Amino acid sequence: MMASEAPKIVWSERVGRFETEDKGAYLEYELRDGGRVMDILHTYVPSTKRGLGLASHLCIAAFSHAQSHSLSVIPSCSYVSDTFLPRNPSWNSIVHKQDVKSHI
């Protein structure tokens, strides 16, 4: 896969994941506050596929889903809070404002 190609991301609602078609890379989340808040817990990309932008594509899929369903997002995953959001500040508008890091 070329880095410029957007991989197909699949929403696996039953298991709370967005994942690549081959299920090798994924983003895990839980819904909170009666399903109004998406807490992104973890992103994983196998070492053989790192550097292709897969984690970013997974985040975009999750944030786009949250936005289209009027959900706010808690960026519990350090990749989301420390890398994705600083590089993509337009998504900050749907970041959950209260007790973002209360689980620490």
N, C-alpha and C. Protein backbone atom coordinates (compact mmCIF):
# COMPACT_ATOMS: atom_id res chain seq x y z
N MET A 1 0.84 -1.19 0.00
CA MET A 1 0.00 0.00 0.00
C MET A 1 0.88 1.24 0.00
N MET A 2 0.59 2.16 -0.87
CA MET A 2 1.33 3.43 -0.91
C MET A 2 0.83 4.33 0.22
N ALA A 3 1.71 5.15 0.75
CA ALA A 3 1.33 6.01 1.86
C ALA A 3 0.23 6.99 1.47
N SER A 4 0.13 7.33 0.20
CA SER A 4 -0.86 8.30 -0.23
C SER A 4 -2.26 7.69 -0.37
N GLU A 5 -2.35 6.37 -0.44
CA GLU A 5 -3.65 5.73 -0.57
C GLU A 5 -4.36 5.72 0.78
N ALA A 6 -5.65 6.05 0.76
CA ALA A 6 -6.42 5.97 2.00
C ALA A 6 -6.88 4.52 2.17
N PRO A 7 -6.53 3.90 3.29
CA PRO A 7 -6.95 2.52 3.50
C PRO A 7 -8.44 2.47 3.80
N LYS A 8 -9.06 1.34 3.53
CA LYS A 8 -10.47 1.17 3.87
C LYS A 8 -10.56 0.90 5.37
N ILE A 9 -11.31 1.74 6.06
CA ILE A 9 -11.50 1.59 7.51
C ILE A 9 -12.91 1.07 7.73
N VAL A 10 -13.03 0.05 8.56
CA VAL A 10 -14.31 -0.59 8.83
C VAL A 10 -14.72 -0.29 10.27
N TRP A 11 -16.00 0.09 10.46
CA TRP A 11 -16.52 0.33 11.81
C TRP A 11 -17.08 -0.99 12.32
N SER A 12 -16.52 -1.51 13.40
CA SER A 12 -17.02 -2.74 14.03
C SER A 12 -17.71 -2.34 15.32
N GLU A 13 -18.97 -1.95 15.18
CA GLU A 13 -19.71 -1.40 16.32
C GLU A 13 -19.81 -2.40 17.47
N ARG A 14 -20.00 -3.67 17.15
CA ARG A 14 -20.20 -4.68 18.19
C ARG A 14 -19.02 -4.76 19.16
N VAL A 15 -17.81 -4.56 18.65
CA VAL A 15 -16.63 -4.66 19.51
C VAL A 15 -16.02 -3.30 19.84
N GLY A 16 -16.66 -2.22 19.41
CA GLY A 16 -16.17 -0.87 19.73
C GLY A 16 -14.83 -0.56 19.08
N ARG A 17 -14.76 -0.81 17.77
CA ARG A 17 -13.50 -0.58 17.06
C ARG A 17 -13.72 0.03 15.69
N PHE A 18 -12.73 0.77 15.26
CA PHE A 18 -12.56 1.10 13.85
C PHE A 18 -11.29 0.36 13.47
N GLU A 19 -11.30 -0.36 12.36
CA GLU A 19 -10.14 -1.17 12.02
C GLU A 19 -9.93 -1.20 10.51
N THR A 20 -8.68 -1.50 10.14
CA THR A 20 -8.40 -1.68 8.72
C THR A 20 -9.08 -2.97 8.27
N GLU A 21 -9.30 -3.08 6.98
CA GLU A 21 -10.02 -4.25 6.44
C GLU A 21 -9.40 -5.57 6.88
N ASP A 22 -8.07 -5.61 6.98
CA ASP A 22 -7.41 -6.85 7.39
C ASP A 22 -7.37 -7.02 8.91
N LYS A 23 -7.97 -6.08 9.63
CA LYS A 23 -8.06 -6.08 11.09
C LYS A 23 -6.69 -5.98 11.77
N GLY A 24 -5.65 -5.64 11.00
CA GLY A 24 -4.31 -5.54 11.57
C GLY A 24 -4.10 -4.30 12.41
N ALA A 25 -4.66 -3.18 11.97
CA ALA A 25 -4.55 -1.92 12.71
C ALA A 25 -5.94 -1.54 13.18
N TYR A 26 -6.03 -0.99 14.40
CA TYR A 26 -7.35 -0.67 14.92
C TYR A 26 -7.31 0.46 15.94
N LEU A 27 -8.47 1.02 16.19
CA LEU A 27 -8.68 2.03 17.22
C LEU A 27 -9.83 1.51 18.08
N GLU A 28 -9.62 1.46 19.40
CA GLU A 28 -10.66 0.97 20.31
C GLU A 28 -11.29 2.15 21.05
N TYR A 29 -12.60 2.06 21.27
CA TYR A 29 -13.30 3.12 21.99
C TYR A 29 -14.41 2.51 22.85
N GLU A 30 -14.88 3.31 23.81
CA GLU A 30 -16.07 2.98 24.58
C GLU A 30 -16.99 4.18 24.53
N LEU A 31 -18.29 3.93 24.53
CA LEU A 31 -19.25 5.02 24.61
C LEU A 31 -19.59 5.27 26.07
N ARG A 32 -19.67 6.54 26.44
CA ARG A 32 -19.98 6.94 27.82
C ARG A 32 -21.15 7.92 27.81
N ASP A 33 -21.60 8.29 29.00
CA ASP A 33 -22.70 9.26 29.15
C ASP A 33 -23.90 8.88 28.29
N GLY A 34 -24.35 7.65 28.40
CA GLY A 34 -25.52 7.22 27.66
C GLY A 34 -25.33 7.20 26.17
N GLY A 35 -24.09 6.99 25.73
CA GLY A 35 -23.80 6.91 24.30
C GLY A 35 -23.56 8.24 23.64
N ARG A 36 -23.40 9.31 24.42
CA ARG A 36 -23.19 10.64 23.84
C ARG A 36 -21.72 11.03 23.73
N VAL A 37 -20.85 10.25 24.37
CA VAL A 37 -19.42 10.56 24.39
C VAL A 37 -18.63 9.33 23.95
N MET A 38 -17.72 9.52 23.00
CA MET A 38 -16.83 8.44 22.54
C MET A 38 -15.48 8.62 23.22
N ASP A 39 -15.11 7.65 24.05
CA ASP A 39 -13.81 7.68 24.73
C ASP A 39 -12.86 6.79 23.92
N ILE A 40 -11.90 7.43 23.22
CA ILE A 40 -10.94 6.67 22.42
C ILE A 40 -9.84 6.18 23.35
N LEU A 41 -9.77 4.86 23.51
CA LEU A 41 -8.89 4.25 24.50
C LEU A 41 -7.51 3.88 23.96
N HIS A 42 -7.45 3.47 22.69
CA HIS A 42 -6.21 2.84 22.22
C HIS A 42 -6.19 2.82 20.70
N THR A 43 -5.02 3.10 20.13
CA THR A 43 -4.82 2.84 18.71
C THR A 43 -3.65 1.87 18.60
N TYR A 44 -3.74 0.97 17.63
CA TYR A 44 -2.67 0.00 17.43
C TYR A 44 -2.40 -0.16 15.94
N VAL A 45 -1.14 -0.07 15.57
CA VAL A 45 -0.70 -0.34 14.21
C VAL A 45 0.50 -1.28 14.32
N PRO A 46 0.47 -2.43 13.61
CA PRO A 46 1.60 -3.36 13.70
C PRO A 46 2.89 -2.70 13.19
N SER A 47 4.01 -3.12 13.75
CA SER A 47 5.28 -2.48 13.41
C SER A 47 5.57 -2.50 11.92
N THR A 48 5.09 -3.52 11.22
CA THR A 48 5.35 -3.63 9.78
C THR A 48 4.57 -2.60 8.97
N LYS A 49 3.57 -1.97 9.59
CA LYS A 49 2.74 -1.00 8.85
C LYS A 49 2.84 0.41 9.41
N ARG A 50 3.77 0.63 10.33
CA ARG A 50 3.91 1.97 10.90
C ARG A 50 4.52 2.91 9.88
N GLY A 51 4.22 4.20 10.00
CA GLY A 51 4.76 5.19 9.09
C GLY A 51 3.94 5.39 7.83
N LEU A 52 2.81 4.68 7.73
CA LEU A 52 1.95 4.81 6.55
C LEU A 52 0.75 5.72 6.81
N GLY A 53 0.65 6.23 8.03
CA GLY A 53 -0.48 7.11 8.35
C GLY A 53 -1.74 6.37 8.77
N LEU A 54 -1.62 5.08 9.08
CA LEU A 54 -2.81 4.30 9.43
C LEU A 54 -3.48 4.80 10.70
N ALA A 55 -2.69 5.14 11.72
CA ALA A 55 -3.28 5.62 12.98
C ALA A 55 -4.07 6.90 12.73
N SER A 56 -3.53 7.78 11.90
CA SER A 56 -4.24 9.01 11.56
C SER A 56 -5.54 8.71 10.82
N HIS A 57 -5.52 7.77 9.87
CA HIS A 57 -6.74 7.39 9.15
C HIS A 57 -7.78 6.81 10.10
N LEU A 58 -7.33 6.01 11.06
CA LEU A 58 -8.25 5.45 12.05
C LEU A 58 -8.89 6.56 12.88
N CYS A 59 -8.07 7.53 13.29
CA CYS A 59 -8.59 8.66 14.08
C CYS A 59 -9.59 9.48 13.27
N ILE A 60 -9.26 9.74 12.02
CA ILE A 60 -10.19 10.51 11.18
C ILE A 60 -11.52 9.78 11.05
N ALA A 61 -11.48 8.46 10.88
CA ALA A 61 -12.72 7.68 10.79
C ALA A 61 -13.53 7.81 12.07
N ALA A 62 -12.86 7.69 13.22
CA ALA A 62 -13.55 7.77 14.51
C ALA A 62 -14.11 9.17 14.76
N PHE A 63 -13.29 10.20 14.51
CA PHE A 63 -13.75 11.57 14.73
C PHE A 63 -14.88 11.93 13.76
N SER A 64 -14.80 11.48 12.51
CA SER A 64 -15.86 11.74 11.54
C SER A 64 -17.16 11.08 11.98
N HIS A 65 -17.05 9.84 12.47
CA HIS A 65 -18.22 9.13 12.98
C HIS A 65 -18.82 9.89 14.17
N ALA A 66 -17.95 10.29 15.10
CA ALA A 66 -18.44 11.03 16.27
C ALA A 66 -19.14 12.31 15.85
N GLN A 67 -18.53 13.04 14.95
CA GLN A 67 -19.12 14.31 14.50
C GLN A 67 -20.48 14.08 13.84
N SER A 68 -20.57 13.08 12.98
CA SER A 68 -21.83 12.85 12.26
C SER A 68 -22.93 12.31 13.18
N HIS A 69 -22.55 11.78 14.34
CA HIS A 69 -23.53 11.28 15.31
C HIS A 69 -23.66 12.21 16.52
N SER A 70 -23.14 13.42 16.40
CA SER A 70 -23.22 14.43 17.47
C SER A 70 -22.64 13.95 18.79
N LEU A 71 -21.53 13.23 18.71
CA LEU A 71 -20.84 12.76 19.92
C LEU A 71 -19.65 13.68 20.18
N SER A 72 -19.31 13.81 21.46
CA SER A 72 -18.03 14.45 21.77
C SER A 72 -17.02 13.32 22.01
N VAL A 73 -15.74 13.66 21.98
CA VAL A 73 -14.67 12.65 22.05
C VAL A 73 -13.76 12.92 23.23
N ILE A 74 -13.46 11.87 23.99
CA ILE A 74 -12.44 11.94 25.05
C ILE A 74 -11.19 11.27 24.48
N PRO A 75 -10.08 12.01 24.34
CA PRO A 75 -8.86 11.43 23.76
C PRO A 75 -7.99 10.73 24.80
N SER A 76 -8.48 9.63 25.39
CA SER A 76 -7.70 8.91 26.40
C SER A 76 -6.43 8.31 25.83
N CYS A 77 -6.45 7.92 24.58
CA CYS A 77 -5.28 7.36 23.92
C CYS A 77 -4.22 8.45 23.75
N SER A 78 -2.99 8.15 24.14
CA SER A 78 -1.93 9.17 24.07
C SER A 78 -1.62 9.57 22.63
N TYR A 79 -1.78 8.65 21.68
CA TYR A 79 -1.55 9.03 20.27
C TYR A 79 -2.54 10.12 19.86
N VAL A 80 -3.79 9.94 20.26
CA VAL A 80 -4.83 10.91 19.89
C VAL A 80 -4.55 12.26 20.54
N SER A 81 -4.27 12.26 21.85
CA SER A 81 -4.10 13.53 22.56
C SER A 81 -2.77 14.21 22.25
N ASP A 82 -1.70 13.44 22.06
CA ASP A 82 -0.36 14.03 21.92
C ASP A 82 0.10 14.21 20.47
N THR A 83 -0.46 13.44 19.55
CA THR A 83 0.00 13.49 18.16
C THR A 83 -1.11 13.91 17.19
N PHE A 84 -2.22 13.16 17.19
CA PHE A 84 -3.27 13.43 16.20
C PHE A 84 -3.91 14.81 16.37
N LEU A 85 -4.34 15.14 17.59
CA LEU A 85 -5.02 16.44 17.78
C LEU A 85 -4.10 17.63 17.55
N PRO A 86 -2.84 17.62 18.03
CA PRO A 86 -1.96 18.75 17.70
C PRO A 86 -1.74 18.91 16.19
N ARG A 87 -1.72 17.81 15.45
CA ARG A 87 -1.54 17.88 13.99
C ARG A 87 -2.84 18.22 13.26
N ASN A 88 -3.96 18.00 13.91
CA ASN A 88 -5.28 18.19 13.29
C ASN A 88 -6.19 18.99 14.21
N PRO A 89 -5.82 20.25 14.50
CA PRO A 89 -6.53 21.03 15.53
C PRO A 89 -8.00 21.30 15.21
N SER A 90 -8.41 21.13 13.96
CA SER A 90 -9.83 21.38 13.64
C SER A 90 -10.76 20.42 14.38
N TRP A 91 -10.24 19.25 14.77
CA TRP A 91 -11.07 18.29 15.50
C TRP A 91 -11.26 18.66 16.96
N ASN A 92 -10.49 19.62 17.48
CA ASN A 92 -10.64 20.02 18.88
C ASN A 92 -12.05 20.49 19.21
N SER A 93 -12.80 20.92 18.19
CA SER A 93 -14.15 21.42 18.44
C SER A 93 -15.09 20.35 18.98
N ILE A 94 -14.78 19.06 18.76
CA ILE A 94 -15.67 18.03 19.31
C ILE A 94 -15.04 17.26 20.47
N VAL A 95 -13.89 17.73 20.96
CA VAL A 95 -13.28 17.10 22.13
C VAL A 95 -14.13 17.42 23.36
N HIS A 96 -14.41 16.40 24.15
CA HIS A 96 -15.23 16.53 25.36
C HIS A 96 -14.53 17.48 26.33
N LYS A 97 -15.24 18.46 26.81
CA LYS A 97 -14.61 19.52 27.59
C LYS A 97 -14.42 19.21 29.07
N GLN A 98 -15.33 18.46 29.68
CA GLN A 98 -15.18 18.26 31.12
C GLN A 98 -14.49 16.95 31.47
N ASP A 99 -13.78 16.95 32.56
CA ASP A 99 -12.99 15.81 33.08
C ASP A 99 -12.37 14.93 31.98
N VAL A 100 -11.64 15.58 31.09
CA VAL A 100 -11.01 14.85 29.99
C VAL A 100 -10.01 13.82 30.52
N LYS A 101 -9.22 14.18 31.53
CA LYS A 101 -8.20 13.25 32.03
C LYS A 101 -8.54 12.73 33.43
N SER A 102 -9.82 12.71 33.80
CA SER A 102 -10.19 12.34 35.17
C SER A 102 -9.87 10.89 35.50
N HIS A 103 -9.66 10.05 34.50
CA HIS A 103 -9.38 8.63 34.74
C HIS A 103 -7.95 8.38 35.18
N ILE A 104 -7.10 9.39 35.13
CA ILE A 104 -5.69 9.21 35.49
C ILE A 104 -5.52 9.32 36.99
